[in-house]
């Protein structure tokens, strides 16, 4: 269903997500479904959701090697976004736009901190 969503343009994302959760209910020790859920999450919430899924995959009894690369890619993005956000000026924004920027800053900073706290074993 996920590949059908990506390749055929058919909106099957919710179906794919359901199948991955079903796989986890059958074999919770397998990390691959978490990796796939991370891929489905894409960049929602500034990659926080995908990061969670990749970390769950890595921490699974049977992890998936590709999750390490996926996680590193997200951490690299977070570092880049973090350094760009530090340069942004928010004083001249309306309150609602400032709130959105503040939420983005919080999530990106959280991701950057998470990347700094991860062991560099891989």
PDB file of N, CA and C in Angstrom:
ATOM      1  N   UNK A   1       0.837  -1.194   0.000  1.00  0.00           N
ATOM      2  CA  UNK A   1       0.000   0.000   0.000  1.00  0.00           C
ATOM      3  C   UNK A   1       0.879   1.255   0.000  1.00  0.00           C
ATOM      4  N   UNK A   2       2.022   1.222   0.720  1.00  0.00           N
ATOM      5  CA  UNK A   2       2.896   2.398   0.743  1.00  0.00           C
ATOM      6  C   UNK A   2       3.472   2.675  -0.640  1.00  0.00           C
ATOM      7  N   UNK A   3       3.902   1.635  -1.328  1.00  0.00           N
ATOM      8  CA  UNK A   3       4.487   1.822  -2.650  1.00  0.00           C
ATOM      9  C   UNK A   3       3.419   2.228  -3.656  1.00  0.00           C
ATOM     10  N   UNK A   4       2.216   1.738  -3.477  1.00  0.00           N
ATOM     11  CA  UNK A   4       1.114   2.144  -4.335  1.00  0.00           C
ATOM     12  C   UNK A   4       0.878   3.642  -4.161  1.00  0.00           C
ATOM     13  N   UNK A   5       1.003   4.112  -2.930  1.00  0.00           N
ATOM     14  CA  UNK A   5       0.848   5.530  -2.624  1.00  0.00           C
ATOM     15  C   UNK A   5       1.936   6.340  -3.323  1.00  0.00           C
ATOM     16  N   UNK A   6       3.189   5.874  -3.236  1.00  0.00           N
ATOM     17  CA  UNK A   6       4.318   6.606  -3.804  1.00  0.00           C
ATOM     18  C   UNK A   6       4.354   6.546  -5.330  1.00  0.00           C
ATOM     19  N   UNK A   7       4.110   5.372  -5.893  1.00  0.00           N
ATOM     20  CA  UNK A   7       4.307   5.189  -7.320  1.00  0.00           C
ATOM     21  C   UNK A   7       3.067   5.476  -8.158  1.00  0.00           C
ATOM     22  N   UNK A   8       1.913   5.081  -7.666  1.00  0.00           N
ATOM     23  CA  UNK A   8       0.701   5.223  -8.472  1.00  0.00           C
ATOM     24  C   UNK A   8      -0.100   6.470  -8.125  1.00  0.00           C
ATOM     25  N   UNK A   9       0.316   7.170  -7.085  1.00  0.00           N
ATOM     26  CA  UNK A   9      -0.414   8.368  -6.701  1.00  0.00           C
ATOM     27  C   UNK A   9      -1.752   8.079  -6.040  1.00  0.00           C
ATOM     28  N   UNK A  10      -1.974   6.834  -5.662  1.00  0.00           N
ATOM     29  CA  UNK A  10      -3.212   6.451  -4.985  1.00  0.00           C
ATOM     30  C   UNK A  10      -3.038   6.768  -3.503  1.00  0.00           C
ATOM     31  N   UNK A  11      -4.007   7.406  -2.909  1.00  0.00           N
ATOM     32  CA  UNK A  11      -3.899   7.801  -1.503  1.00  0.00           C
ATOM     33  C   UNK A  11      -4.176   6.604  -0.591  1.00  0.00           C
ATOM     34  N   UNK A  12      -3.119   5.852  -0.309  1.00  0.00           N
ATOM     35  CA  UNK A  12      -3.250   4.657   0.523  1.00  0.00           C
ATOM     36  C   UNK A  12      -2.389   4.756   1.778  1.00  0.00           C
ATOM     37  N   UNK A  13      -2.005   5.971   2.149  1.00  0.00           N
ATOM     38  CA  UNK A  13      -1.105   6.152   3.286  1.00  0.00           C
ATOM     39  C   UNK A  13      -1.693   5.587   4.581  1.00  0.00           C
ATOM     40  N   UNK A  14      -2.967   5.851   4.827  1.00  0.00           N
ATOM     41  CA  UNK A  14      -3.599   5.339   6.052  1.00  0.00           C
ATOM     42  C   UNK A  14      -3.678   3.812   6.039  1.00  0.00           C
ATOM     43  N   UNK A  15      -3.908   3.242   4.875  1.00  0.00           N
ATOM     44  CA  UNK A  15      -3.955   1.787   4.754  1.00  0.00           C
ATOM     45  C   UNK A  15      -2.578   1.186   5.022  1.00  0.00           C
ATOM     46  N   UNK A  16      -1.550   1.788   4.466  1.00  0.00           N
ATOM     47  CA  UNK A  16      -0.178   1.313   4.692  1.00  0.00           C
ATOM     48  C   UNK A  16       0.159   1.401   6.177  1.00  0.00           C
ATOM     49  N   UNK A  17      -0.186   2.522   6.794  1.00  0.00           N
ATOM     50  CA  UNK A  17       0.077   2.700   8.227  1.00  0.00           C
ATOM     51  C   UNK A  17      -0.632   1.615   9.037  1.00  0.00           C
ATOM     52  N   UNK A  18      -1.859   1.325   8.688  1.00  0.00           N
ATOM     53  CA  UNK A  18      -2.620   0.275   9.378  1.00  0.00           C
ATOM     54  C   UNK A  18      -1.929  -1.083   9.237  1.00  0.00           C
ATOM     55  N   UNK A  19      -1.442  -1.398   8.042  1.00  0.00           N
ATOM     56  CA  UNK A  19      -0.759  -2.674   7.819  1.00  0.00           C
ATOM     57  C   UNK A  19       0.516  -2.775   8.656  1.00  0.00           C
ATOM     58  N   UNK A  20       1.267  -1.676   8.766  1.00  0.00           N
ATOM     59  CA  UNK A  20       2.505  -1.708   9.563  1.00  0.00           C
ATOM     60  C   UNK A  20       2.187  -1.900  11.048  1.00  0.00           C
ATOM     61  N   UNK A  21       1.125  -1.270  11.525  1.00  0.00           N
ATOM     62  CA  UNK A  21       0.736  -1.481  12.928  1.00  0.00           C
ATOM     63  C   UNK A  21       0.238  -2.908  13.152  1.00  0.00           C
ATOM     64  N   UNK A  22      -0.430  -3.480  12.163  1.00  0.00           N
ATOM     65  CA  UNK A  22      -0.849  -4.880  12.261  1.00  0.00           C
ATOM     66  C   UNK A  22       0.374  -5.793  12.311  1.00  0.00           C
ATOM     67  N   UNK A  23       1.374  -5.487  11.512  1.00  0.00           N
ATOM     68  CA  UNK A  23       2.612  -6.282  11.532  1.00  0.00           C
ATOM     69  C   UNK A  23       3.254  -6.219  12.914  1.00  0.00           C
ATOM     70  N   UNK A  24       3.241  -5.047  13.526  1.00  0.00           N
ATOM     71  CA  UNK A  24       3.807  -4.909  14.872  1.00  0.00           C
ATOM     72  C   UNK A  24       3.003  -5.688  15.911  1.00  0.00           C
ATOM     73  N   UNK A  25       1.698  -5.779  15.714  1.00  0.00           N
ATOM     74  CA  UNK A  25       0.899  -6.534  16.679  1.00  0.00           C
ATOM     75  C   UNK A  25       1.157  -8.034  16.555  1.00  0.00           C
ATOM     76  N   UNK A  26       1.530  -8.487  15.367  1.00  0.00           N
ATOM     77  CA  UNK A  26       1.831  -9.901  15.141  1.00  0.00           C
ATOM     78  C   UNK A  26       3.250 -10.235  15.607  1.00  0.00           C
ATOM     79  N   UNK A  27       4.205  -9.354  15.298  1.00  0.00           N
ATOM     80  CA  UNK A  27       5.613  -9.596  15.639  1.00  0.00           C
ATOM     81  C   UNK A  27       6.229  -8.309  16.188  1.00  0.00           C
ATOM     82  N   UNK A  28       5.945  -7.971  17.451  1.00  0.00           N
ATOM     83  CA  UNK A  28       6.409  -6.703  18.020  1.00  0.00           C
ATOM     84  C   UNK A  28       7.929  -6.588  18.149  1.00  0.00           C
ATOM     85  N   UNK A  29       8.644  -7.693  18.067  1.00  0.00           N
ATOM     86  CA  UNK A  29      10.097  -7.659  18.205  1.00  0.00           C
ATOM     87  C   UNK A  29      10.806  -7.216  16.922  1.00  0.00           C
ATOM     88  N   UNK A  30      10.089  -7.183  15.818  1.00  0.00           N
ATOM     89  CA  UNK A  30      10.661  -6.816  14.518  1.00  0.00           C
ATOM     90  C   UNK A  30      10.598  -5.296  14.350  1.00  0.00           C
ATOM     91  N   UNK A  31      11.717  -4.690  14.024  1.00  0.00           N
ATOM     92  CA  UNK A  31      11.788  -3.240  13.907  1.00  0.00           C
ATOM     93  C   UNK A  31      11.411  -2.671  12.548  1.00  0.00           C
ATOM     94  N   UNK A  32      11.443  -3.497  11.509  1.00  0.00           N
ATOM     95  CA  UNK A  32      11.185  -3.013  10.148  1.00  0.00           C
ATOM     96  C   UNK A  32       9.886  -2.206  10.011  1.00  0.00           C
ATOM     97  N   UNK A  33       8.762  -2.624  10.616  1.00  0.00           N
ATOM     98  CA  UNK A  33       7.551  -1.798  10.477  1.00  0.00           C
ATOM     99  C   UNK A  33       7.733  -0.378  11.023  1.00  0.00           C
ATOM    100  N   UNK A  34       8.521  -0.231  12.089  1.00  0.00           N
ATOM    101  CA  UNK A  34       8.779   1.116  12.608  1.00  0.00           C
ATOM    102  C   UNK A  34       9.569   1.943  11.594  1.00  0.00           C
ATOM    103  N   UNK A  35      10.524   1.310  10.922  1.00  0.00           N
ATOM    104  CA  UNK A  35      11.273   2.017   9.892  1.00  0.00           C
ATOM    105  C   UNK A  35      10.325   2.498   8.793  1.00  0.00           C
ATOM    106  N   UNK A  36       9.416   1.631   8.390  1.00  0.00           N
ATOM    107  CA  UNK A  36       8.464   1.996   7.335  1.00  0.00           C
ATOM    108  C   UNK A  36       7.507   3.098   7.808  1.00  0.00           C
ATOM    109  N   UNK A  37       7.101   3.044   9.067  1.00  0.00           N
ATOM    110  CA  UNK A  37       6.251   4.107   9.614  1.00  0.00           C
ATOM    111  C   UNK A  37       6.999   5.439   9.643  1.00  0.00           C
ATOM    112  N   UNK A  38       8.294   5.381   9.915  1.00  0.00           N
ATOM    113  CA  UNK A  38       9.107   6.588   9.872  1.00  0.00           C
ATOM    114  C   UNK A  38       9.154   7.171   8.464  1.00  0.00           C
ATOM    115  N   UNK A  39       9.261   6.296   7.486  1.00  0.00           N
ATOM    116  CA  UNK A  39       9.255   6.744   6.092  1.00  0.00           C
ATOM    117  C   UNK A  39       7.908   7.367   5.741  1.00  0.00           C
ATOM    118  N   UNK A  40       6.831   6.741   6.193  1.00  0.00           N
ATOM    119  CA  UNK A  40       5.491   7.290   5.942  1.00  0.00           C
ATOM    120  C   UNK A  40       5.304   8.652   6.619  1.00  0.00           C
ATOM    121  N   UNK A  41       5.880   8.812   7.797  1.00  0.00           N
ATOM    122  CA  UNK A  41       5.720  10.068   8.538  1.00  0.00           C
ATOM    123  C   UNK A  41       6.332  11.233   7.774  1.00  0.00           C
ATOM    124  N   UNK A  42       7.335  10.943   6.964  1.00  0.00           N
ATOM    125  CA  UNK A  42       7.960  12.005   6.177  1.00  0.00           C
ATOM    126  C   UNK A  42       8.512  13.097   7.073  1.00  0.00           C
ATOM    127  N   UNK A  43       8.247  14.323   6.722  1.00  0.00           N
ATOM    128  CA  UNK A  43       8.794  15.445   7.499  1.00  0.00           C
ATOM    129  C   UNK A  43       7.749  16.104   8.393  1.00  0.00           C
ATOM    130  N   UNK A  44       6.681  15.384   8.690  1.00  0.00           N
ATOM    131  CA  UNK A  44       5.648  15.930   9.582  1.00  0.00           C
ATOM    132  C   UNK A  44       6.273  16.347  10.908  1.00  0.00           C
ATOM    133  N   UNK A  45       5.803  17.436  11.425  1.00  0.00           N
ATOM    134  CA  UNK A  45       6.251  17.938  12.727  1.00  0.00           C
ATOM    135  C   UNK A  45       7.773  18.098  12.773  1.00  0.00           C
ATOM    136  N   UNK A  46       8.321  18.589  11.669  1.00  0.00           N
ATOM    137  CA  UNK A  46       9.767  18.832  11.571  1.00  0.00           C
ATOM    138  C   UNK A  46      10.577  17.579  11.889  1.00  0.00           C
ATOM    139  N   UNK A  47      10.105  16.433  11.406  1.00  0.00           N
ATOM    140  CA  UNK A  47      10.781  15.130  11.491  1.00  0.00           C
ATOM    141  C   UNK A  47      10.742  14.475  12.863  1.00  0.00           C
ATOM    142  N   UNK A  48      10.025  15.035  13.814  1.00  0.00           N
ATOM    143  CA  UNK A  48       9.976  14.450  15.156  1.00  0.00           C
ATOM    144  C   UNK A  48       9.306  13.076  15.122  1.00  0.00           C
ATOM    145  N   UNK A  49       8.203  12.958  14.393  1.00  0.00           N
ATOM    146  CA  UNK A  49       7.487  11.678  14.335  1.00  0.00           C
ATOM    147  C   UNK A  49       8.336  10.601  13.667  1.00  0.00           C
ATOM    148  N   UNK A  50       8.988  10.940  12.572  1.00  0.00           N
ATOM    149  CA  UNK A  50       9.839   9.970  11.875  1.00  0.00           C
ATOM    150  C   UNK A  50      11.009   9.549  12.758  1.00  0.00           C
ATOM    151  N   UNK A  51      11.591  10.501  13.473  1.00  0.00           N
ATOM    152  CA  UNK A  51      12.706  10.195  14.377  1.00  0.00           C
ATOM    153  C   UNK A  51      12.281   9.196  15.437  1.00  0.00           C
ATOM    154  N   UNK A  52      11.111   9.413  16.015  1.00  0.00           N
ATOM    155  CA  UNK A  52      10.588   8.478  17.012  1.00  0.00           C
ATOM    156  C   UNK A  52      10.504   7.065  16.420  1.00  0.00           C
ATOM    157  N   UNK A  53       9.955   6.960  15.225  1.00  0.00           N
ATOM    158  CA  UNK A  53       9.794   5.642  14.597  1.00  0.00           C
ATOM    159  C   UNK A  53      11.142   4.983  14.325  1.00  0.00           C
ATOM    160  N   UNK A  54      12.107   5.759  13.821  1.00  0.00           N
ATOM    161  CA  UNK A  54      13.432   5.191  13.544  1.00  0.00           C
ATOM    162  C   UNK A  54      14.120   4.758  14.839  1.00  0.00           C
ATOM    163  N   UNK A  55      13.951   5.536  15.901  1.00  0.00           N
ATOM    164  CA  UNK A  55      14.540   5.142  17.189  1.00  0.00           C
ATOM    165  C   UNK A  55      13.898   3.864  17.715  1.00  0.00           C
ATOM    166  N   UNK A  56      12.581   3.745  17.550  1.00  0.00           N
ATOM    167  CA  UNK A  56      11.909   2.506  17.970  1.00  0.00           C
ATOM    168  C   UNK A  56      12.408   1.325  17.154  1.00  0.00           C
ATOM    169  N   UNK A  57      12.634   1.530  15.874  1.00  0.00           N
ATOM    170  CA  UNK A  57      13.159   0.475  15.013  1.00  0.00           C
ATOM    171  C   UNK A  57      14.526   0.016  15.512  1.00  0.00           C
ATOM    172  N   UNK A  58      15.396   0.976  15.784  1.00  0.00           N
ATOM    173  CA  UNK A  58      16.753   0.665  16.236  1.00  0.00           C
ATOM    174  C   UNK A  58      16.743  -0.061  17.577  1.00  0.00           C
ATOM    175  N   UNK A  59      15.815   0.316  18.446  1.00  0.00           N
ATOM    176  CA  UNK A  59      15.745  -0.285  19.779  1.00  0.00           C
ATOM    177  C   UNK A  59      15.007  -1.621  19.791  1.00  0.00           C
ATOM    178  N   UNK A  60      14.450  -2.021  18.668  1.00  0.00           N
ATOM    179  CA  UNK A  60      13.726  -3.293  18.598  1.00  0.00           C
ATOM    180  C   UNK A  60      14.687  -4.460  18.747  1.00  0.00           C
ATOM    181  N   UNK A  61      14.141  -5.564  19.182  1.00  0.00           N
ATOM    182  CA  UNK A  61      14.933  -6.782  19.336  1.00  0.00           C
ATOM    183  C   UNK A  61      15.598  -7.165  18.014  1.00  0.00           C
ATOM    184  N   UNK A  62      14.851  -7.047  16.913  1.00  0.00           N
ATOM    185  CA  UNK A  62      15.387  -7.312  15.575  1.00  0.00           C
ATOM    186  C   UNK A  62      15.312  -5.985  14.817  1.00  0.00           C
ATOM    187  N   UNK A  63      16.379  -5.204  14.928  1.00  0.00           N
ATOM    188  CA  UNK A  63      16.366  -3.883  14.294  1.00  0.00           C
ATOM    189  C   UNK A  63      16.619  -4.003  12.796  1.00  0.00           C
ATOM    190  N   UNK A  64      16.424  -2.889  12.109  1.00  0.00           N
ATOM    191  CA  UNK A  64      16.656  -2.831  10.669  1.00  0.00           C
ATOM    192  C   UNK A  64      17.819  -1.882  10.430  1.00  0.00           C
ATOM    193  N   UNK A  65      18.846  -2.361   9.775  1.00  0.00           N
ATOM    194  CA  UNK A  65      20.090  -1.612   9.563  1.00  0.00           C
ATOM    195  C   UNK A  65      19.843  -0.256   8.899  1.00  0.00           C
ATOM    196  N   UNK A  66      18.927  -0.188   7.955  1.00  0.00           N
ATOM    197  CA  UNK A  66      18.662   1.052   7.229  1.00  0.00           C
ATOM    198  C   UNK A  66      18.159   2.192   8.094  1.00  0.00           C
ATOM    199  N   UNK A  67      17.620   1.876   9.261  1.00  0.00           N
ATOM    200  CA  UNK A  67      17.084   2.918  10.150  1.00  0.00           C
ATOM    201  C   UNK A  67      18.188   3.843  10.649  1.00  0.00           C
ATOM    202  N   UNK A  68      19.396   3.317  10.793  1.00  0.00           N
ATOM    203  CA  UNK A  68      20.510   4.153  11.256  1.00  0.00           C
ATOM    204  C   UNK A  68      20.805   5.269  10.252  1.00  0.00           C
ATOM    205  N   UNK A  69      20.834   4.923   9.001  1.00  0.00           N
ATOM    206  CA  UNK A  69      21.069   5.919   7.952  1.00  0.00           C
ATOM    207  C   UNK A  69      19.935   6.920   7.857  1.00  0.00           C
ATOM    208  N   UNK A  70      18.707   6.426   7.998  1.00  0.00           N
ATOM    209  CA  UNK A  70      17.539   7.312   7.969  1.00  0.00           C
ATOM    210  C   UNK A  70      17.590   8.306   9.120  1.00  0.00           C
ATOM    211  N   UNK A  71      17.961   7.819  10.284  1.00  0.00           N
ATOM    212  CA  UNK A  71      18.043   8.676  11.466  1.00  0.00           C
ATOM    213  C   UNK A  71      19.163   9.702  11.315  1.00  0.00           C
ATOM    214  N   UNK A  72      20.298   9.270  10.815  1.00  0.00           N
ATOM    215  CA  UNK A  72      21.416  10.199  10.607  1.00  0.00           C
ATOM    216  C   UNK A  72      21.027  11.305   9.640  1.00  0.00           C
ATOM    217  N   UNK A  73      20.304  10.943   8.587  1.00  0.00           N
ATOM    218  CA  UNK A  73      19.850  11.928   7.600  1.00  0.00           C
ATOM    219  C   UNK A  73      18.947  12.972   8.260  1.00  0.00           C
ATOM    220  N   UNK A  74      18.047  12.521   9.134  1.00  0.00           N
ATOM    221  CA  UNK A  74      17.163  13.460   9.833  1.00  0.00           C
ATOM    222  C   UNK A  74      17.938  14.345  10.795  1.00  0.00           C
ATOM    223  N   UNK A  75      18.916  13.782  11.472  1.00  0.00           N
ATOM    224  CA  UNK A  75      19.733  14.581  12.393  1.00  0.00           C
ATOM    225  C   UNK A  75      20.564  15.615  11.635  1.00  0.00           C
ATOM    226  N   UNK A  76      21.063  15.243  10.476  1.00  0.00           N
ATOM    227  CA  UNK A  76      21.807  16.206   9.658  1.00  0.00           C
ATOM    228  C   UNK A  76      20.901  17.360   9.221  1.00  0.00           C
ATOM    229  N   UNK A  77      19.673  17.018   8.828  1.00  0.00           N
ATOM    230  CA  UNK A  77      18.696  18.050   8.462  1.00  0.00           C
ATOM    231  C   UNK A  77      18.401  18.960   9.646  1.00  0.00           C
ATOM    232  N   UNK A  78      18.255  18.357  10.820  1.00  0.00           N
ATOM    233  CA  UNK A  78      17.936  19.130  12.028  1.00  0.00           C
ATOM    234  C   UNK A  78      19.057  20.106  12.347  1.00  0.00           C
ATOM    235  N   UNK A  79      20.289  19.669  12.217  1.00  0.00           N
ATOM    236  CA  UNK A  79      21.434  20.547  12.497  1.00  0.00           C
ATOM    237  C   UNK A  79      21.438  21.729  11.532  1.00  0.00           C
ATOM    238  N   UNK A  80      21.189  21.443  10.275  1.00  0.00           N
ATOM    239  CA  UNK A  80      21.157  22.504   9.267  1.00  0.00           C
ATOM    240  C   UNK A  80      20.026  23.494   9.565  1.00  0.00           C
ATOM    241  N   UNK A  81      18.838  22.974   9.848  1.00  0.00           N
ATOM    242  CA  UNK A  81      17.696  23.838  10.161  1.00  0.00           C
ATOM    243  C   UNK A  81      17.945  24.639  11.436  1.00  0.00           C
ATOM    244  N   UNK A  82      18.566  24.017  12.422  1.00  0.00           N
ATOM    245  CA  UNK A  82      18.841  24.690  13.692  1.00  0.00           C
ATOM    246  C   UNK A  82      19.741  25.910  13.461  1.00  0.00           C
ATOM    247  N   UNK A  83      20.776  25.732  12.697  1.00  0.00           N
ATOM    248  CA  UNK A  83      21.710  26.831  12.446  1.00  0.00           C
ATOM    249  C   UNK A  83      21.072  27.926  11.578  1.00  0.00           C
ATOM    250  N   UNK A  84      20.147  27.552  10.708  1.00  0.00           N
ATOM    251  CA  UNK A  84      19.431  28.551   9.913  1.00  0.00           C
ATOM    252  C   UNK A  84      18.453  29.336  10.784  1.00  0.00           C
ATOM    253  N   UNK A  85      17.787  28.641  11.714  1.00  0.00           N
ATOM    254  CA  UNK A  85      16.810  29.304  12.581  1.00  0.00           C
ATOM    255  C   UNK A  85      17.455  30.326  13.499  1.00  0.00           C
ATOM    256  N   UNK A  86      18.680  30.051  13.906  1.00  0.00           N
ATOM    257  CA  UNK A  86      19.369  30.983  14.803  1.00  0.00           C
ATOM    258  C   UNK A  86      19.544  32.347  14.152  1.00  0.00           C
ATOM    259  N   UNK A  87      19.604  32.364  12.824  1.00  0.00           N
ATOM    260  CA  UNK A  87      19.823  33.605  12.093  1.00  0.00           C
ATOM    261  C   UNK A  87      18.527  34.372  11.824  1.00  0.00           C
ATOM    262  N   UNK A  88      17.379  33.712  11.964  1.00  0.00           N
ATOM    263  CA  UNK A  88      16.099  34.326  11.613  1.00  0.00           C
ATOM    264  C   UNK A  88      15.680  35.384  12.628  1.00  0.00           C
ATOM    265  N   UNK A  89      15.089  36.417  12.121  1.00  0.00           N
ATOM    266  CA  UNK A  89      14.566  37.506  12.942  1.00  0.00           C
ATOM    267  C   UNK A  89      13.067  37.283  13.123  1.00  0.00           C
ATOM    268  N   UNK A  90      12.565  37.318  14.371  1.00  0.00           N
ATOM    269  CA  UNK A  90      11.133  37.086  14.609  1.00  0.00           C
ATOM    270  C   UNK A  90      10.432  38.293  15.224  1.00  0.00           C
ATOM    271  N   UNK A  91      11.119  39.355  15.489  1.00  0.00           N
ATOM    272  CA  UNK A  91      10.501  40.511  16.150  1.00  0.00           C
ATOM    273  C   UNK A  91       9.423  41.184  15.316  1.00  0.00           C
ATOM    274  N   UNK A  92       9.545  41.169  14.013  1.00  0.00           N
ATOM    275  CA  UNK A  92       8.631  41.906  13.141  1.00  0.00           C
ATOM    276  C   UNK A  92       7.445  41.073  12.665  1.00  0.00           C
ATOM    277  N   UNK A  93       7.242  39.920  13.231  1.00  0.00           N
ATOM    278  CA  UNK A  93       6.154  39.044  12.804  1.00  0.00           C
ATOM    279  C   UNK A  93       4.889  39.302  13.611  1.00  0.00           C
ATOM    280  N   UNK A  94       3.746  38.956  13.003  1.00  0.00           N
ATOM    281  CA  UNK A  94       2.479  39.033  13.737  1.00  0.00           C
ATOM    282  C   UNK A  94       2.498  37.958  14.828  1.00  0.00           C
ATOM    283  N   UNK A  95       1.650  38.104  15.861  1.00  0.00           N
ATOM    284  CA  UNK A  95       1.647  37.110  16.948  1.00  0.00           C
ATOM    285  C   UNK A  95       1.416  35.677  16.474  1.00  0.00           C
ATOM    286  N   UNK A  96       0.523  35.471  15.507  1.00  0.00           N
ATOM    287  CA  UNK A  96       0.257  34.097  15.055  1.00  0.00           C
ATOM    288  C   UNK A  96       1.463  33.527  14.286  1.00  0.00           C
ATOM    289  N   UNK A  97       2.093  34.355  13.466  1.00  0.00           N
ATOM    290  CA  UNK A  97       3.280  33.884  12.736  1.00  0.00           C
ATOM    291  C   UNK A  97       4.450  33.674  13.686  1.00  0.00           C
ATOM    292  N   UNK A  98       4.541  34.504  14.704  1.00  0.00           N
ATOM    293  CA  UNK A  98       5.602  34.353  15.696  1.00  0.00           C
ATOM    294  C   UNK A  98       5.407  33.043  16.458  1.00  0.00           C
ATOM    295  N   UNK A  99       4.154  32.719  16.768  1.00  0.00           N
ATOM    296  CA  UNK A  99       3.855  31.461  17.469  1.00  0.00           C
ATOM    297  C   UNK A  99       4.277  30.263  16.622  1.00  0.00           C
ATOM    298  N   UNK A 100       3.974  30.304  15.331  1.00  0.00           N
ATOM    299  CA  UNK A 100       4.385  29.219  14.426  1.00  0.00           C
ATOM    300  C   UNK A 100       5.904  29.095  14.385  1.00  0.00           C
ATOM    301  N   UNK A 101       6.586  30.228  14.308  1.00  0.00           N
ATOM    302  CA  UNK A 101       8.055  30.216  14.306  1.00  0.00           C
ATOM    303  C   UNK A 101       8.596  29.660  15.614  1.00  0.00           C
ATOM    304  N   UNK A 102       7.947  30.016  16.741  1.00  0.00           N
ATOM    305  CA  UNK A 102       8.385  29.521  18.045  1.00  0.00           C
ATOM    306  C   UNK A 102       8.220  28.009  18.150  1.00  0.00           C
ATOM    307  N   UNK A 103       7.121  27.494  17.615  1.00  0.00           N
ATOM    308  CA  UNK A 103       6.894  26.039  17.625  1.00  0.00           C
ATOM    309  C   UNK A 103       7.937  25.345  16.761  1.00  0.00           C
ATOM    310  N   UNK A 104       8.192  25.915  15.589  1.00  0.00           N
ATOM    311  CA  UNK A 104       9.228  25.349  14.707  1.00  0.00           C
ATOM    312  C   UNK A 104      10.575  25.363  15.415  1.00  0.00           C
ATOM    313  N   UNK A 105      10.906  26.479  16.048  1.00  0.00           N
ATOM    314  CA  UNK A 105      12.180  26.599  16.762  1.00  0.00           C
ATOM    315  C   UNK A 105      12.286  25.543  17.865  1.00  0.00           C
ATOM    316  N   UNK A 106      11.198  25.330  18.601  1.00  0.00           N
ATOM    317  CA  UNK A 106      11.193  24.327  19.674  1.00  0.00           C
ATOM    318  C   UNK A 106      11.447  22.928  19.116  1.00  0.00           C
ATOM    319  N   UNK A 107      10.708  22.552  18.069  1.00  0.00           N
ATOM    320  CA  UNK A 107      10.842  21.199  17.522  1.00  0.00           C
ATOM    321  C   UNK A 107      12.201  20.979  16.864  1.00  0.00           C
ATOM    322  N   UNK A 108      12.678  21.970  16.145  1.00  0.00           N
ATOM    323  CA  UNK A 108      13.985  21.844  15.504  1.00  0.00           C
ATOM    324  C   UNK A 108      15.086  21.794  16.565  1.00  0.00           C
ATOM    325  N   UNK A 109      14.970  22.607  17.598  1.00  0.00           N
ATOM    326  CA  UNK A 109      15.962  22.584  18.687  1.00  0.00           C
ATOM    327  C   UNK A 109      15.944  21.245  19.404  1.00  0.00           C
ATOM    328  N   UNK A 110      14.748  20.688  19.597  1.00  0.00           N
ATOM    329  CA  UNK A 110      14.621  19.375  20.226  1.00  0.00           C
ATOM    330  C   UNK A 110      15.323  18.319  19.379  1.00  0.00           C
ATOM    331  N   UNK A 111      15.091  18.366  18.081  1.00  0.00           N
ATOM    332  CA  UNK A 111      15.728  17.404  17.183  1.00  0.00           C
ATOM    333  C   UNK A 111      17.244  17.564  17.201  1.00  0.00           C
ATOM    334  N   UNK A 112      17.711  18.792  17.214  1.00  0.00           N
ATOM    335  CA  UNK A 112      19.155  19.041  17.229  1.00  0.00           C
ATOM    336  C   UNK A 112      19.764  18.515  18.532  1.00  0.00           C
ATOM    337  N   UNK A 113      19.109  18.782  19.640  1.00  0.00           N
ATOM    338  CA  UNK A 113      19.577  18.274  20.925  1.00  0.00           C
ATOM    339  C   UNK A 113      19.600  16.752  20.916  1.00  0.00           C
ATOM    340  N   UNK A 114      18.551  16.149  20.384  1.00  0.00           N
ATOM    341  CA  UNK A 114      18.467  14.685  20.280  1.00  0.00           C
ATOM    342  C   UNK A 114      19.670  14.153  19.501  1.00  0.00           C
ATOM    343  N   UNK A 115      20.032  14.834  18.426  1.00  0.00           N
ATOM    344  CA  UNK A 115      21.164  14.377  17.613  1.00  0.00           C
ATOM    345  C   UNK A 115      22.474  14.468  18.397  1.00  0.00           C
ATOM    346  N   UNK A 116      22.598  15.483  19.228  1.00  0.00           N
ATOM    347  CA  UNK A 116      23.813  15.629  20.019  1.00  0.00           C
ATOM    348  C   UNK A 116      23.925  14.570  21.122  1.00  0.00           C
ATOM    349  N   UNK A 117      22.776  14.077  21.578  1.00  0.00           N
ATOM    350  CA  UNK A 117      22.768  13.101  22.669  1.00  0.00           C
ATOM    351  C   UNK A 117      22.920  11.659  22.189  1.00  0.00           C
ATOM    352  N   UNK A 118      22.820  11.425  20.876  1.00  0.00           N
ATOM    353  CA  UNK A 118      22.922  10.071  20.346  1.00  0.00           C
ATOM    354  C   UNK A 118      24.378   9.622  20.313  1.00  0.00           C
ATOM    355  N   UNK A 119      24.619   8.367  20.683  1.00  0.00           N
ATOM    356  CA  UNK A 119      25.989   7.840  20.570  1.00  0.00           C
ATOM    357  C   UNK A 119      26.413   7.792  19.103  1.00  0.00           C
ATOM    358  N   UNK A 120      27.668   7.992  18.848  1.00  0.00           N
ATOM    359  CA  UNK A 120      28.200   8.027  17.482  1.00  0.00           C
ATOM    360  C   UNK A 120      28.755   6.681  17.056  1.00  0.00           C
ATOM    361  N   UNK A 121      28.111   5.601  17.484  1.00  0.00           N
ATOM    362  CA  UNK A 121      28.636   4.261  17.224  1.00  0.00           C
ATOM    363  C   UNK A 121      28.458   3.808  15.778  1.00  0.00           C
ATOM    364  N   UNK A 122      27.569   4.413  15.019  1.00  0.00           N
ATOM    365  CA  UNK A 122      27.324   3.947  13.640  1.00  0.00           C
ATOM    366  C   UNK A 122      27.690   5.002  12.652  1.00  0.00           C
TER     367      UNK A 122
END
